[in-house]
Amino acid sequence: MGKRKEKLSFANVMSVTAVFIALGGTAVAVGGLGKNSVGAKQIKSGAVRSGEVKDLSLKPDDFAKGALPAGPQGEKGESGAQGQPGTPGIPATKIYAFVRTGACCGAGLPPLNPPKLSNAHGITAAAVAGSGQYEVTIDLGQIPSGKLSDCVPMASNASADAAHPLAGQIGVGRPSGIPSNKLLVTFRNSAGNLADLSSGGGAHGFSIALFC
């Protein structure tokens, strides 16, 4: 039987070449990847997880801004920097005066008409309105709202040099017919009758203040 001789065709050559290429590719896969042969394009999205990352190997710069939670606030130091001095406050009571209605410390002395103001702020005048009655004029510009009705008035028949408190009643208000910038202060004796002020051994007069 004679030997068969076949000529190589293009198809035979290509088949053998494909086999070598396939074997070569397999050899690369089995043998491992070359150094620096894997980049971002070769990594599948989501393939790298916590288990593939070495503990404590990442740095803050490796994370997006705002991705890391803020740490707890540190403790305040024992001594902080001294702050700037604040603006001085405005006194709550800006309207006050002692209204002297008579001379000091003597019996039978005539009353002062008009009364004399002492240590006054926001009170501009006082006048006798009758026995035991006095009109006090208020500077409405000292009141934030400009209205006496927004203030609480208080009066006392005592002075810095009064010997003792006096018996009787004190009234302060703005009855009908009194101008909007005036208050009427009245004094009654222990019987309830309007009466001129006695000093109790000190200066004749009364103190008045408005809280606005």
N, C-alpha and C. Protein backbone atom coordinates (compact mmCIF):
# COMPACT_ATOMS: atom_id res chain seq x y z
N MET A 1 0.86 -1.18 0.00
CA MET A 1 0.00 0.00 0.00
C MET A 1 0.89 1.22 0.00
N GLY A 2 0.67 2.07 -0.84
CA GLY A 2 1.55 3.23 -0.96
C GLY A 2 1.22 4.32 0.02
N LYS A 3 2.25 5.18 0.36
CA LYS A 3 2.06 6.29 1.28
C LYS A 3 1.25 7.39 0.62
N ARG A 4 0.35 7.98 1.45
CA ARG A 4 -0.47 9.06 0.93
C ARG A 4 0.22 10.39 1.23
N LYS A 5 0.38 11.14 0.30
CA LYS A 5 0.97 12.46 0.44
C LYS A 5 -0.09 13.51 0.23
N GLU A 6 -0.26 14.36 1.27
CA GLU A 6 -1.25 15.45 1.17
C GLU A 6 -0.54 16.79 1.27
N LYS A 7 -0.97 17.67 0.56
CA LYS A 7 -0.44 19.03 0.60
C LYS A 7 -1.12 19.81 1.73
N LEU A 8 -0.34 20.68 2.39
CA LEU A 8 -0.91 21.55 3.42
C LEU A 8 -1.78 22.63 2.80
N SER A 9 -2.95 22.71 3.37
CA SER A 9 -3.87 23.75 2.86
C SER A 9 -3.88 24.94 3.82
N PHE A 10 -4.47 26.03 3.42
CA PHE A 10 -4.59 27.23 4.26
C PHE A 10 -5.38 26.93 5.51
N ALA A 11 -6.40 26.10 5.38
CA ALA A 11 -7.23 25.74 6.53
C ALA A 11 -6.44 24.96 7.54
N ASN A 12 -5.54 24.04 7.09
CA ASN A 12 -4.72 23.29 8.03
C ASN A 12 -3.78 24.20 8.80
N VAL A 13 -3.19 25.14 8.12
CA VAL A 13 -2.25 26.05 8.77
C VAL A 13 -2.95 26.89 9.84
N MET A 14 -4.11 27.39 9.53
CA MET A 14 -4.84 28.25 10.46
C MET A 14 -5.30 27.47 11.68
N SER A 15 -5.68 26.19 11.46
CA SER A 15 -6.12 25.37 12.59
C SER A 15 -4.99 25.15 13.56
N VAL A 16 -3.80 24.80 13.02
CA VAL A 16 -2.65 24.58 13.89
C VAL A 16 -2.28 25.86 14.63
N THR A 17 -2.33 26.98 13.96
CA THR A 17 -2.02 28.28 14.59
C THR A 17 -2.98 28.58 15.73
N ALA A 18 -4.25 28.31 15.54
CA ALA A 18 -5.25 28.57 16.58
C ALA A 18 -5.00 27.74 17.81
N VAL A 19 -4.56 26.48 17.58
CA VAL A 19 -4.26 25.60 18.71
C VAL A 19 -3.12 26.17 19.54
N PHE A 20 -2.05 26.63 18.86
CA PHE A 20 -0.91 27.20 19.58
C PHE A 20 -1.30 28.47 20.35
N ILE A 21 -2.13 29.28 19.71
CA ILE A 21 -2.58 30.51 20.39
C ILE A 21 -3.38 30.18 21.65
N ALA A 22 -4.28 29.19 21.51
CA ALA A 22 -5.10 28.78 22.65
C ALA A 22 -4.25 28.24 23.76
N LEU A 23 -3.26 27.37 23.39
CA LEU A 23 -2.36 26.82 24.41
C LEU A 23 -1.54 27.91 25.07
N GLY A 24 -1.10 28.85 24.28
CA GLY A 24 -0.32 29.96 24.84
C GLY A 24 -1.13 30.77 25.83
N GLY A 25 -2.39 31.06 25.49
CA GLY A 25 -3.24 31.82 26.41
C GLY A 25 -3.48 31.07 27.70
N THR A 26 -3.69 29.78 27.59
CA THR A 26 -3.91 28.97 28.78
C THR A 26 -2.68 28.96 29.66
N ALA A 27 -1.55 28.93 29.04
CA ALA A 27 -0.31 28.94 29.81
C ALA A 27 -0.17 30.22 30.61
N VAL A 28 -0.58 31.33 30.02
CA VAL A 28 -0.51 32.60 30.74
C VAL A 28 -1.44 32.60 31.93
N ALA A 29 -2.66 32.05 31.72
CA ALA A 29 -3.64 32.03 32.80
C ALA A 29 -3.19 31.14 33.93
N VAL A 30 -2.62 29.99 33.58
CA VAL A 30 -2.19 29.06 34.61
C VAL A 30 -0.95 29.55 35.31
N GLY A 31 -0.05 30.12 34.56
CA GLY A 31 1.23 30.54 35.13
C GLY A 31 1.15 31.76 35.98
N GLY A 32 0.06 32.55 35.89
CA GLY A 32 -0.07 33.77 36.69
C GLY A 32 0.11 35.00 35.84
N LEU A 33 -0.30 36.17 36.42
CA LEU A 33 -0.23 37.45 35.72
C LEU A 33 1.13 38.08 35.90
N GLY A 34 1.52 38.79 34.89
CA GLY A 34 2.79 39.48 34.96
C GLY A 34 2.72 40.69 35.87
N LYS A 35 3.87 41.19 36.31
CA LYS A 35 3.93 42.34 37.19
C LYS A 35 3.34 43.58 36.51
N ASN A 36 2.49 44.31 37.27
CA ASN A 36 1.85 45.54 36.77
C ASN A 36 0.98 45.30 35.54
N SER A 37 0.42 44.09 35.42
CA SER A 37 -0.40 43.79 34.24
C SER A 37 -1.89 44.01 34.49
N VAL A 38 -2.32 44.27 35.76
CA VAL A 38 -3.72 44.48 36.09
C VAL A 38 -3.92 45.94 36.50
N GLY A 39 -4.90 46.61 35.89
CA GLY A 39 -5.21 47.99 36.21
C GLY A 39 -6.68 48.14 36.52
N ALA A 40 -7.13 49.39 36.60
CA ALA A 40 -8.53 49.65 36.94
C ALA A 40 -9.49 49.05 35.94
N LYS A 41 -9.10 49.00 34.66
CA LYS A 41 -9.99 48.46 33.63
C LYS A 41 -10.19 46.96 33.79
N GLN A 42 -9.21 46.25 34.37
CA GLN A 42 -9.30 44.80 34.48
C GLN A 42 -10.07 44.36 35.75
N ILE A 43 -10.35 45.32 36.70
CA ILE A 43 -11.04 44.95 37.93
C ILE A 43 -12.53 45.15 37.75
N LYS A 44 -13.28 44.10 38.00
CA LYS A 44 -14.73 44.16 37.85
C LYS A 44 -15.33 45.00 38.97
N SER A 45 -16.34 45.79 38.66
CA SER A 45 -16.99 46.63 39.65
C SER A 45 -17.56 45.77 40.79
N GLY A 46 -17.23 46.10 42.01
CA GLY A 46 -17.72 45.37 43.17
C GLY A 46 -16.89 44.16 43.53
N ALA A 47 -15.82 43.90 42.78
CA ALA A 47 -15.01 42.71 43.04
C ALA A 47 -14.16 42.86 44.29
N VAL A 48 -13.71 44.09 44.60
CA VAL A 48 -12.88 44.32 45.77
C VAL A 48 -13.78 44.66 46.95
N ARG A 49 -13.78 43.79 47.95
CA ARG A 49 -14.60 43.98 49.13
C ARG A 49 -13.73 44.10 50.38
N SER A 50 -14.39 44.19 51.55
CA SER A 50 -13.65 44.38 52.80
C SER A 50 -12.63 43.27 53.03
N GLY A 51 -13.02 42.04 52.66
CA GLY A 51 -12.12 40.92 52.87
C GLY A 51 -10.85 40.98 52.06
N GLU A 52 -10.87 41.70 50.90
CA GLU A 52 -9.70 41.80 50.06
C GLU A 52 -8.79 42.98 50.43
N VAL A 53 -9.25 43.81 51.41
CA VAL A 53 -8.48 44.99 51.80
C VAL A 53 -7.76 44.70 53.11
N LYS A 54 -6.48 44.99 53.16
CA LYS A 54 -5.69 44.77 54.35
C LYS A 54 -6.13 45.74 55.44
N ASP A 55 -6.31 45.21 56.64
CA ASP A 55 -6.74 46.05 57.76
C ASP A 55 -5.73 47.17 58.01
N LEU A 56 -6.27 48.37 58.30
CA LEU A 56 -5.48 49.55 58.66
C LEU A 56 -4.55 50.00 57.53
N SER A 57 -4.87 49.57 56.29
CA SER A 57 -4.01 49.97 55.18
C SER A 57 -4.51 51.21 54.46
N LEU A 58 -5.81 51.57 54.64
CA LEU A 58 -6.36 52.74 53.95
C LEU A 58 -6.13 53.99 54.78
N LYS A 59 -6.07 55.12 54.11
CA LYS A 59 -5.86 56.42 54.73
C LYS A 59 -7.07 57.31 54.49
N PRO A 60 -7.23 58.38 55.28
CA PRO A 60 -8.38 59.27 55.07
C PRO A 60 -8.48 59.80 53.64
N ASP A 61 -7.33 60.01 52.98
CA ASP A 61 -7.37 60.53 51.62
C ASP A 61 -7.94 59.53 50.63
N ASP A 62 -8.05 58.25 51.03
CA ASP A 62 -8.58 57.23 50.13
C ASP A 62 -10.10 57.25 50.06
N PHE A 63 -10.75 58.04 50.94
CA PHE A 63 -12.20 58.08 50.99
C PHE A 63 -12.72 59.41 50.43
N ALA A 64 -13.95 59.37 49.91
CA ALA A 64 -14.57 60.59 49.38
C ALA A 64 -14.89 61.53 50.54
N LYS A 65 -14.95 62.81 50.23
CA LYS A 65 -15.23 63.82 51.24
C LYS A 65 -16.61 63.57 51.86
N GLY A 66 -16.66 63.51 53.17
CA GLY A 66 -17.92 63.27 53.87
C GLY A 66 -18.25 61.81 54.05
N ALA A 67 -17.45 60.89 53.51
CA ALA A 67 -17.74 59.47 53.64
C ALA A 67 -17.42 58.95 55.03
N LEU A 68 -16.44 59.53 55.68
CA LEU A 68 -16.05 59.09 57.02
C LEU A 68 -16.86 59.84 58.07
N PRO A 69 -17.40 59.15 59.08
CA PRO A 69 -18.15 59.84 60.14
C PRO A 69 -17.22 60.69 61.00
N ALA A 70 -17.79 61.78 61.52
CA ALA A 70 -17.00 62.67 62.39
C ALA A 70 -16.77 62.02 63.74
N GLY A 71 -15.62 62.25 64.31
CA GLY A 71 -15.30 61.70 65.62
C GLY A 71 -15.98 62.48 66.73
N PRO A 72 -15.97 61.95 67.94
CA PRO A 72 -16.59 62.66 69.07
C PRO A 72 -15.85 63.95 69.40
N GLN A 73 -16.60 64.92 69.92
CA GLN A 73 -16.00 66.20 70.28
C GLN A 73 -15.06 66.03 71.47
N GLY A 74 -13.92 66.67 71.38
CA GLY A 74 -12.96 66.57 72.46
C GLY A 74 -13.40 67.32 73.70
N GLU A 75 -12.81 66.97 74.82
CA GLU A 75 -13.16 67.63 76.08
C GLU A 75 -12.63 69.05 76.11
N LYS A 76 -13.41 69.93 76.76
CA LYS A 76 -13.01 71.32 76.88
C LYS A 76 -11.83 71.44 77.83
N GLY A 77 -10.88 72.25 77.47
CA GLY A 77 -9.71 72.45 78.31
C GLY A 77 -10.07 73.10 79.63
N GLU A 78 -9.18 72.99 80.58
CA GLU A 78 -9.43 73.56 81.90
C GLU A 78 -9.52 75.08 81.87
N SER A 79 -8.78 75.73 81.01
CA SER A 79 -8.81 77.20 80.95
C SER A 79 -8.81 77.63 79.49
N GLY A 80 -9.92 78.24 79.06
CA GLY A 80 -10.03 78.74 77.69
C GLY A 80 -9.58 80.19 77.61
N ALA A 81 -9.54 80.69 76.39
CA ALA A 81 -9.15 82.09 76.19
C ALA A 81 -10.23 83.02 76.73
N GLN A 82 -9.81 84.11 77.32
CA GLN A 82 -10.74 85.09 77.88
C GLN A 82 -11.47 85.81 76.76
N GLY A 83 -12.80 85.85 76.84
CA GLY A 83 -13.58 86.54 75.83
C GLY A 83 -13.53 88.04 75.97
N GLN A 84 -14.06 88.74 74.96
CA GLN A 84 -14.09 90.20 75.00
C GLN A 84 -15.12 90.68 76.01
N PRO A 85 -14.88 91.77 76.71
CA PRO A 85 -15.86 92.31 77.66
C PRO A 85 -17.17 92.64 76.97
N GLY A 86 -18.27 92.32 77.61
CA GLY A 86 -19.58 92.61 77.05
C GLY A 86 -19.97 94.07 77.21
N THR A 87 -21.00 94.46 76.49
CA THR A 87 -21.51 95.83 76.58
C THR A 87 -22.25 96.01 77.91
N PRO A 88 -21.96 97.05 78.65
CA PRO A 88 -22.66 97.26 79.93
C PRO A 88 -24.17 97.29 79.73
N GLY A 89 -24.89 96.65 80.62
CA GLY A 89 -26.35 96.61 80.52
C GLY A 89 -26.98 97.92 80.96
N ILE A 90 -28.24 98.09 80.59
CA ILE A 90 -29.00 99.28 80.96
C ILE A 90 -29.74 98.99 82.26
N PRO A 91 -29.65 99.85 83.26
CA PRO A 91 -30.36 99.60 84.52
C PRO A 91 -31.85 99.41 84.29
N ALA A 92 -32.43 98.46 85.01
CA ALA A 92 -33.86 98.18 84.84
C ALA A 92 -34.71 99.35 85.32
N THR A 93 -34.29 99.99 86.42
CA THR A 93 -35.02 101.13 86.96
C THR A 93 -34.31 102.41 86.56
N LYS A 94 -34.89 103.13 85.60
CA LYS A 94 -34.26 104.36 85.11
C LYS A 94 -34.99 105.61 85.59
N ILE A 95 -36.14 105.41 86.24
CA ILE A 95 -36.96 106.56 86.63
C ILE A 95 -37.17 106.50 88.14
N TYR A 96 -36.60 107.49 88.85
CA TYR A 96 -36.70 107.47 90.30
C TYR A 96 -36.38 108.86 90.83
N ALA A 97 -36.77 109.11 92.07
CA ALA A 97 -36.45 110.39 92.74
C ALA A 97 -36.89 110.32 94.19
N PHE A 98 -36.27 111.15 95.01
CA PHE A 98 -36.80 111.45 96.34
C PHE A 98 -37.41 112.84 96.26
N VAL A 99 -38.69 112.93 96.61
CA VAL A 99 -39.43 114.19 96.55
C VAL A 99 -39.50 114.76 97.98
N ARG A 100 -38.76 115.81 98.20
CA ARG A 100 -38.75 116.44 99.54
C ARG A 100 -39.92 117.42 99.62
N THR A 101 -40.82 117.17 100.59
CA THR A 101 -42.03 117.99 100.72
C THR A 101 -41.95 118.99 101.87
N GLY A 102 -40.91 118.90 102.68
CA GLY A 102 -40.76 119.84 103.79
C GLY A 102 -39.34 119.83 104.30
N ALA A 103 -39.06 120.70 105.22
CA ALA A 103 -37.74 120.80 105.81
C ALA A 103 -37.46 119.60 106.69
N CYS A 104 -36.23 119.45 107.03
CA CYS A 104 -35.82 118.27 107.79
C CYS A 104 -35.84 118.49 109.28
N CYS A 105 -36.40 117.50 109.93
CA CYS A 105 -36.13 117.24 111.33
C CYS A 105 -36.64 118.32 112.30
N GLY A 106 -37.65 119.05 111.93
CA GLY A 106 -38.18 120.06 112.85
C GLY A 106 -39.69 120.13 112.77
N ALA A 107 -40.35 120.37 113.87
CA ALA A 107 -41.81 120.46 113.91
C ALA A 107 -42.26 121.88 113.62
N GLY A 108 -43.40 122.01 112.97
CA GLY A 108 -43.99 123.32 112.72
C GLY A 108 -43.38 124.07 111.56
N LEU A 109 -42.47 123.42 110.77
CA LEU A 109 -41.88 124.11 109.63
C LEU A 109 -42.83 124.03 108.44
N PRO A 110 -42.92 125.11 107.65
CA PRO A 110 -43.86 125.10 106.52
C PRO A 110 -43.43 124.09 105.46
N PRO A 111 -44.39 123.48 104.75
CA PRO A 111 -44.06 122.54 103.68
C PRO A 111 -43.44 123.27 102.49
N LEU A 112 -42.72 122.50 101.69
CA LEU A 112 -42.13 123.06 100.48
C LEU A 112 -43.16 123.02 99.35
N ASN A 113 -43.35 124.19 98.72
CA ASN A 113 -44.29 124.25 97.59
C ASN A 113 -43.70 125.17 96.51
N PRO A 114 -43.15 124.59 95.41
CA PRO A 114 -43.24 123.16 95.06
C PRO A 114 -42.23 122.33 95.82
N PRO A 115 -42.48 121.03 95.89
CA PRO A 115 -41.51 120.13 96.52
C PRO A 115 -40.19 120.14 95.75
N LYS A 116 -39.14 119.72 96.45
CA LYS A 116 -37.80 119.71 95.86
C LYS A 116 -37.40 118.28 95.52
N LEU A 117 -36.87 118.11 94.28
CA LEU A 117 -36.43 116.79 93.86
C LEU A 117 -34.98 116.57 94.28
N SER A 118 -34.70 115.35 94.71
CA SER A 118 -33.35 114.98 95.10
C SER A 118 -33.03 113.61 94.50
N ASN A 119 -31.78 113.47 93.98
CA ASN A 119 -31.35 112.19 93.38
C ASN A 119 -32.35 111.73 92.33
N ALA A 120 -32.72 112.64 91.43
CA ALA A 120 -33.78 112.36 90.46
C ALA A 120 -33.20 111.94 89.12
N HIS A 121 -33.88 110.98 88.45
CA HIS A 121 -33.56 110.58 87.09
C HIS A 121 -34.85 110.18 86.40
N GLY A 122 -35.21 110.90 85.34
CA GLY A 122 -36.43 110.61 84.60
C GLY A 122 -37.66 111.25 85.20
N ILE A 123 -37.53 111.90 86.36
CA ILE A 123 -38.61 112.66 86.98
C ILE A 123 -38.19 114.11 86.97
N THR A 124 -39.02 114.94 86.35
CA THR A 124 -38.61 116.33 86.08
C THR A 124 -39.21 117.35 87.04
N ALA A 125 -40.33 117.02 87.70
CA ALA A 125 -40.96 118.02 88.58
C ALA A 125 -41.95 117.34 89.51
N ALA A 126 -42.29 118.04 90.59
CA ALA A 126 -43.34 117.60 91.51
C ALA A 126 -44.11 118.83 91.95
N ALA A 127 -45.40 118.66 92.19
CA ALA A 127 -46.25 119.79 92.58
C ALA A 127 -47.26 119.32 93.63
N VAL A 128 -47.65 120.24 94.52
CA VAL A 128 -48.67 119.94 95.53
C VAL A 128 -50.04 120.03 94.85
N ALA A 129 -50.83 118.95 94.96
CA ALA A 129 -52.17 118.92 94.36
C ALA A 129 -53.27 119.00 95.40
N GLY A 130 -52.92 119.09 96.66
CA GLY A 130 -53.89 119.15 97.75
C GLY A 130 -53.26 118.54 98.98
N SER A 131 -54.02 118.49 100.05
CA SER A 131 -53.50 117.92 101.29
C SER A 131 -53.17 116.44 101.08
N GLY A 132 -51.90 116.10 101.27
CA GLY A 132 -51.48 114.71 101.10
C GLY A 132 -51.48 114.23 99.67
N GLN A 133 -51.51 115.14 98.68
CA GLN A 133 -51.56 114.76 97.27
C GLN A 133 -50.47 115.51 96.48
N TYR A 134 -49.79 114.75 95.62
CA TYR A 134 -48.67 115.33 94.87
C TYR A 134 -48.69 114.81 93.43
N GLU A 135 -48.52 115.72 92.50
CA GLU A 135 -48.38 115.34 91.09
C GLU A 135 -46.89 115.24 90.75
N VAL A 136 -46.51 114.14 90.15
CA VAL A 136 -45.12 113.91 89.76
C VAL A 136 -45.06 113.82 88.24
N THR A 137 -44.17 114.63 87.63
CA THR A 137 -44.05 114.66 86.16
C THR A 137 -42.93 113.73 85.72
N ILE A 138 -43.24 112.87 84.74
CA ILE A 138 -42.32 111.84 84.25
C ILE A 138 -41.83 112.22 82.86
N ASP A 139 -40.55 112.02 82.61
CA ASP A 139 -40.00 112.18 81.27
C ASP A 139 -40.31 110.91 80.48
N LEU A 140 -41.32 110.96 79.59
CA LEU A 140 -41.75 109.77 78.85
C LEU A 140 -40.67 109.25 77.91
N GLY A 141 -39.68 110.09 77.58
CA GLY A 141 -38.59 109.65 76.72
C GLY A 141 -37.71 108.60 77.37
N GLN A 142 -37.82 108.45 78.71
CA GLN A 142 -37.05 107.44 79.43
C GLN A 142 -37.73 106.07 79.41
N ILE A 143 -38.97 106.02 78.92
CA ILE A 143 -39.73 104.76 78.86
C ILE A 143 -39.63 104.21 77.45
N PRO A 144 -39.23 102.95 77.26
CA PRO A 144 -39.07 102.40 75.91
C PRO A 144 -40.31 102.57 75.03
N SER A 145 -41.49 102.33 75.57
CA SER A 145 -42.72 102.46 74.78
C SER A 145 -43.28 103.87 74.79
N GLY A 146 -42.79 104.72 75.71
CA GLY A 146 -43.31 106.07 75.81
C GLY A 146 -44.64 106.15 76.54
N LYS A 147 -45.07 105.05 77.20
CA LYS A 147 -46.36 105.03 77.87
C LYS A 147 -46.18 104.68 79.34
N LEU A 148 -46.80 105.49 80.22
CA LEU A 148 -46.76 105.19 81.65
C LEU A 148 -47.48 103.89 81.98
N SER A 149 -48.45 103.53 81.15
CA SER A 149 -49.21 102.31 81.42
C SER A 149 -48.35 101.05 81.30
N ASP A 150 -47.16 101.17 80.68
CA ASP A 150 -46.26 100.02 80.55
C ASP A 150 -45.27 99.94 81.71
N CYS A 151 -45.46 100.76 82.73
CA CYS A 151 -44.56 100.77 83.88
C CYS A 151 -45.33 100.40 85.15
N VAL A 152 -44.58 99.95 86.14
CA VAL A 152 -45.15 99.67 87.47
C VAL A 152 -44.57 100.71 88.44
N PRO A 153 -45.39 101.65 88.93
CA PRO A 153 -44.88 102.66 89.86
C PRO A 153 -44.92 102.17 91.30
N MET A 154 -43.96 102.61 92.08
CA MET A 154 -43.91 102.30 93.51
C MET A 154 -43.51 103.56 94.27
N ALA A 155 -44.12 103.76 95.44
CA ALA A 155 -43.80 104.93 96.26
C ALA A 155 -43.67 104.51 97.72
N SER A 156 -42.87 105.26 98.44
CA SER A 156 -42.64 104.98 99.85
C SER A 156 -42.50 106.30 100.60
N ASN A 157 -43.12 106.41 101.79
CA ASN A 157 -43.00 107.65 102.57
C ASN A 157 -41.81 107.55 103.51
N ALA A 158 -40.67 107.26 102.91
CA ALA A 158 -39.45 107.14 103.70
C ALA A 158 -38.33 107.86 102.96
N SER A 159 -37.30 108.18 103.69
CA SER A 159 -36.13 108.81 103.09
C SER A 159 -34.89 108.22 103.74
N ALA A 160 -33.74 108.62 103.24
CA ALA A 160 -32.49 108.06 103.75
C ALA A 160 -32.29 108.40 105.22
N ASP A 161 -32.86 109.51 105.68
CA ASP A 161 -32.65 109.91 107.08
C ASP A 161 -33.92 109.79 107.93
N ALA A 162 -34.91 109.01 107.43
CA ALA A 162 -36.13 108.81 108.21
C ALA A 162 -35.82 107.98 109.45
N ALA A 163 -36.43 108.35 110.56
CA ALA A 163 -36.15 107.66 111.81
C ALA A 163 -36.86 106.31 111.90
N HIS A 164 -38.09 106.23 111.39
CA HIS A 164 -38.84 104.98 111.47
C HIS A 164 -39.96 105.03 110.44
N PRO A 165 -40.54 103.89 110.06
CA PRO A 165 -41.66 103.90 109.11
C PRO A 165 -42.87 104.60 109.70
N LEU A 166 -43.69 105.15 108.82
CA LEU A 166 -44.86 105.90 109.25
C LEU A 166 -46.13 105.07 109.03
N ALA A 167 -47.09 105.26 109.92
CA ALA A 167 -48.38 104.58 109.78
C ALA A 167 -49.20 105.28 108.71
N GLY A 168 -50.01 104.53 108.00
CA GLY A 168 -50.87 105.11 106.99
C GLY A 168 -50.85 104.33 105.70
N GLN A 169 -51.38 104.94 104.65
CA GLN A 169 -51.51 104.31 103.35
C GLN A 169 -50.93 105.21 102.28
N ILE A 170 -50.39 104.59 101.23
CA ILE A 170 -49.83 105.32 100.10
C ILE A 170 -50.53 104.83 98.83
N GLY A 171 -50.89 105.75 97.98
CA GLY A 171 -51.46 105.40 96.68
C GLY A 171 -50.70 106.10 95.58
N VAL A 172 -50.52 105.41 94.44
CA VAL A 172 -49.87 106.02 93.30
C VAL A 172 -50.54 105.49 92.03
N GLY A 173 -50.92 106.41 91.15
CA GLY A 173 -51.61 106.03 89.92
C GLY A 173 -51.86 107.24 89.06
N ARG A 174 -52.71 107.04 88.04
CA ARG A 174 -53.04 108.14 87.13
C ARG A 174 -54.56 108.15 86.94
N PRO A 175 -55.27 108.81 87.86
CA PRO A 175 -56.73 108.87 87.75
C PRO A 175 -57.17 109.73 86.57
N SER A 176 -58.44 109.69 86.29
CA SER A 176 -59.00 110.44 85.16
C SER A 176 -58.72 111.94 85.33
N GLY A 177 -58.32 112.56 84.23
CA GLY A 177 -58.04 113.99 84.23
C GLY A 177 -56.58 114.32 84.44
N ILE A 178 -55.77 113.35 84.82
CA ILE A 178 -54.33 113.59 85.00
C ILE A 178 -53.63 113.47 83.66
N PRO A 179 -52.76 114.40 83.27
CA PRO A 179 -52.04 114.30 81.99
C PRO A 179 -51.28 112.98 81.85
N SER A 180 -51.01 112.60 80.62
CA SER A 180 -50.40 111.29 80.34
C SER A 180 -48.97 111.16 80.85
N ASN A 181 -48.35 112.30 81.19
CA ASN A 181 -46.96 112.23 81.68
C ASN A 181 -46.86 112.50 83.18
N LYS A 182 -48.00 112.37 83.90
CA LYS A 182 -47.99 112.65 85.33
C LYS A 182 -48.59 111.48 86.11
N LEU A 183 -48.13 111.35 87.36
CA LEU A 183 -48.70 110.41 88.31
C LEU A 183 -49.16 111.18 89.54
N LEU A 184 -50.21 110.67 90.20
CA LEU A 184 -50.70 111.27 91.42
C LEU A 184 -50.33 110.35 92.58
N VAL A 185 -49.60 110.92 93.54
CA VAL A 185 -49.21 110.17 94.74
C VAL A 185 -50.01 110.73 95.91
N THR A 186 -50.71 109.86 96.64
CA THR A 186 -51.55 110.29 97.77
C THR A 186 -51.11 109.59 99.04
N PHE A 187 -51.29 110.31 100.16
CA PHE A 187 -50.91 109.78 101.47
C PHE A 187 -52.10 109.95 102.42
N ARG A 188 -52.39 108.88 103.16
CA ARG A 188 -53.46 108.89 104.15
C ARG A 188 -52.90 108.46 105.51
N ASN A 189 -53.49 109.02 106.53
CA ASN A 189 -53.06 108.65 107.88
C ASN A 189 -53.69 107.32 108.29
N SER A 190 -53.42 106.90 109.51
CA SER A 190 -53.92 105.60 109.96
C SER A 190 -55.44 105.55 110.03
N ALA A 191 -56.11 106.73 110.04
CA ALA A 191 -57.58 106.78 110.04
C ALA A 191 -58.14 106.73 108.63
N GLY A 192 -57.25 106.77 107.62
CA GLY A 192 -57.70 106.71 106.23
C GLY A 192 -57.96 108.05 105.61
N ASN A 193 -57.65 109.15 106.29
CA ASN A 193 -57.87 110.49 105.76
C ASN A 193 -56.61 111.01 105.09
N LEU A 194 -56.80 111.79 103.99
CA LEU A 194 -55.66 112.44 103.34
C LEU A 194 -54.95 113.34 104.34
N ALA A 195 -53.62 113.26 104.37
CA ALA A 195 -52.87 114.02 105.36
C ALA A 195 -51.50 114.36 104.81
N ASP A 196 -51.00 115.51 105.24
CA ASP A 196 -49.65 115.90 104.86
C ASP A 196 -48.64 114.93 105.45
N LEU A 197 -47.52 114.85 104.82
CA LEU A 197 -46.50 113.89 105.24
C LEU A 197 -45.82 114.32 106.52
N SER A 198 -45.55 113.32 107.34
CA SER A 198 -44.68 113.51 108.48
C SER A 198 -43.39 112.76 108.19
N SER A 199 -42.34 113.14 108.82
CA SER A 199 -41.04 112.58 108.48
C SER A 199 -40.64 111.40 109.33
N GLY A 200 -41.30 111.19 110.44
CA GLY A 200 -40.85 110.16 111.36
C GLY A 200 -39.51 110.51 111.96
N GLY A 201 -39.24 111.79 112.05
CA GLY A 201 -37.98 112.24 112.62
C GLY A 201 -36.93 112.54 111.57
N GLY A 202 -37.23 112.31 110.28
CA GLY A 202 -36.28 112.59 109.22
C GLY A 202 -36.82 113.65 108.28
N ALA A 203 -36.35 113.62 107.04
CA ALA A 203 -36.80 114.62 106.06
C ALA A 203 -38.23 114.33 105.62
N HIS A 204 -39.04 115.41 105.52
CA HIS A 204 -40.39 115.26 105.01
C HIS A 204 -40.30 114.98 103.51
N GLY A 205 -40.96 113.91 103.05
CA GLY A 205 -40.95 113.60 101.62
C GLY A 205 -41.23 112.14 101.36
N PHE A 206 -41.12 111.76 100.10
CA PHE A 206 -41.38 110.38 99.71
C PHE A 206 -40.45 109.99 98.56
N SER A 207 -40.23 108.69 98.43
CA SER A 207 -39.46 108.14 97.32
C SER A 207 -40.40 107.54 96.30
N ILE A 208 -40.07 107.65 95.03
CA ILE A 208 -40.88 107.09 93.96
C ILE A 208 -39.96 106.50 92.90
N ALA A 209 -40.38 105.38 92.33
CA ALA A 209 -39.62 104.73 91.26
C ALA A 209 -40.58 104.04 90.32
N LEU A 210 -40.20 103.96 89.06
CA LEU A 210 -40.99 103.28 88.05
C LEU A 210 -40.17 102.14 87.46
N PHE A 211 -40.78 100.96 87.34
CA PHE A 211 -40.17 99.79 86.73
C PHE A 211 -40.83 99.59 85.36
N CYS A 212 -40.07 99.75 84.29
CA CYS A 212 -40.64 99.70 82.94
C CYS A 212 -39.99 98.56 82.13
